């Protein structure tokens, strides 16, 4: 018997599974990075530099208020992770409570 279950061995052979795992890892890493570093303050307005094209200073350019797009994406990933944790916690609280209650009521 191998240490790795057969299902994991099958998943590792699929490109879409590997690609999805890499994308999720990049998303989580970028959200973690945003706590430590962003190229520019995400909430700082810089009207003279609005709607700049991507370049060396602003990798993805700037928005209509002059905010750096990369900084906005990094901070947005942080907010998305927080929302996911909140939704997961609420789901566990409600579902777990109902799951513990069901045997006491004999499935009812």
Protein backbone atom coordinates (compact mmCIF):
# COMPACT_ATOMS: atom_id res chain seq x y z
CA UNK A 1 0.00 0.00 0.00
CA UNK A 2 1.46 3.37 -1.01
CA UNK A 3 1.67 6.39 1.28
CA UNK A 4 -0.16 8.54 -1.28
CA UNK A 5 -3.82 7.65 -1.87
CA UNK A 6 -4.73 6.73 -5.42
CA UNK A 7 -6.95 9.79 -5.83
CA UNK A 8 -4.03 12.15 -5.15
CA UNK A 9 -1.86 10.26 -7.60
CA UNK A 10 -4.58 10.66 -10.27
CA UNK A 11 -4.99 14.37 -9.50
CA UNK A 12 -1.28 15.03 -9.94
CA UNK A 13 -1.47 13.70 -13.50
CA UNK A 14 -4.04 16.29 -14.61
CA UNK A 15 -2.74 19.61 -15.89
CA UNK A 16 -5.88 21.48 -14.88
CA UNK A 17 -5.50 20.32 -11.28
CA UNK A 18 -1.86 21.42 -11.19
CA UNK A 19 -2.68 24.76 -12.83
CA UNK A 20 -5.52 25.37 -10.38
CA UNK A 21 -3.28 24.56 -7.45
CA UNK A 22 -0.60 26.93 -8.69
CA UNK A 23 -3.15 29.72 -9.20
CA UNK A 24 -4.59 29.25 -5.72
CA UNK A 25 -1.08 29.23 -4.25
CA UNK A 26 -0.24 32.48 -6.09
CA UNK A 27 -3.46 34.08 -4.85
CA UNK A 28 -2.76 33.11 -1.24
CA UNK A 29 0.87 34.21 -1.53
CA UNK A 30 -0.10 37.59 -2.98
CA UNK A 31 -2.63 38.14 -0.20
CA UNK A 32 0.03 37.27 2.39
CA UNK A 33 2.53 39.57 0.66
CA UNK A 34 0.09 42.48 0.85
CA UNK A 35 0.36 42.50 4.65
CA UNK A 36 4.08 43.20 4.36
CA UNK A 37 4.56 45.07 1.07
CA UNK A 38 2.68 46.94 -1.64
CA UNK A 39 4.44 49.00 -4.30
CA UNK A 40 2.38 52.09 -3.43
CA UNK A 41 -0.21 52.86 -0.73
CA UNK A 42 -3.47 51.45 -2.10
CA UNK A 43 -5.66 54.26 -0.82
CA UNK A 44 -3.40 57.14 -1.80
CA UNK A 45 -4.76 59.29 -4.64
CA UNK A 46 -2.30 60.65 -7.22
CA UNK A 47 -4.49 62.60 -9.67
CA UNK A 48 -1.58 63.90 -11.82
CA UNK A 49 -0.63 60.28 -12.60
CA UNK A 50 -4.10 59.00 -13.44
CA UNK A 51 -4.68 56.45 -16.21
CA UNK A 52 -1.00 55.75 -16.80
CA UNK A 53 -0.16 52.85 -19.07
CA UNK A 54 1.73 49.87 -17.63
CA UNK A 55 5.40 50.58 -17.19
CA UNK A 56 8.39 50.19 -14.90
CA UNK A 57 6.93 52.41 -12.16
CA UNK A 58 3.37 51.02 -12.30
CA UNK A 59 3.43 47.42 -13.56
CA UNK A 60 -0.28 47.37 -14.49
CA UNK A 61 -0.76 51.13 -14.77
CA UNK A 62 -2.98 53.37 -12.66
CA UNK A 63 -6.72 53.86 -12.37
CA UNK A 64 -8.80 57.02 -12.91
CA UNK A 65 -7.74 58.36 -9.49
CA UNK A 66 -4.03 57.62 -9.94
CA UNK A 67 -3.95 54.58 -7.64
CA UNK A 68 -1.54 51.80 -8.55
CA UNK A 69 -3.43 48.77 -9.94
CA UNK A 70 -0.96 46.20 -8.52
CA UNK A 71 -1.36 47.64 -5.03
CA UNK A 72 -5.14 47.55 -5.39
CA UNK A 73 -5.04 43.90 -6.50
CA UNK A 74 -2.81 42.89 -3.58
CA UNK A 75 -5.06 44.59 -1.02
CA UNK A 76 -8.16 43.19 -2.76
CA UNK A 77 -6.77 39.65 -2.43
CA UNK A 78 -6.44 40.25 1.30
CA UNK A 79 -10.09 41.32 1.51
CA UNK A 80 -11.20 38.30 -0.56
CA UNK A 81 -9.42 35.90 1.79
CA UNK A 82 -11.04 37.56 4.79
CA UNK A 83 -14.47 37.20 3.18
CA UNK A 84 -13.81 33.54 2.41
CA UNK A 85 -12.76 32.85 5.99
CA UNK A 86 -15.89 34.60 7.28
CA UNK A 87 -18.17 32.61 4.96
CA UNK A 88 -16.43 29.36 5.85
CA UNK A 89 -16.69 30.09 9.56
CA UNK A 90 -20.39 30.91 9.31
CA UNK A 91 -21.02 27.77 7.25
CA UNK A 92 -19.18 25.65 9.79
CA UNK A 93 -21.02 27.23 12.71
CA UNK A 94 -24.48 26.73 11.18
CA UNK A 95 -23.78 23.36 9.54
CA UNK A 96 -21.85 22.02 12.50
CA UNK A 97 -24.58 23.05 14.90
CA UNK A 98 -27.24 21.40 12.79
CA UNK A 99 -25.05 18.31 12.38
CA UNK A 100 -24.65 17.97 16.14
CA UNK A 101 -28.37 18.55 16.68
CA UNK A 102 -29.53 15.97 14.11
CA UNK A 103 -28.51 12.83 16.07
CA UNK A 104 -30.17 14.20 19.19
CA UNK A 105 -33.42 14.62 17.27
CA UNK A 106 -32.90 11.32 15.42
CA UNK A 107 -32.40 12.99 12.04
CA UNK A 108 -35.35 15.32 12.40
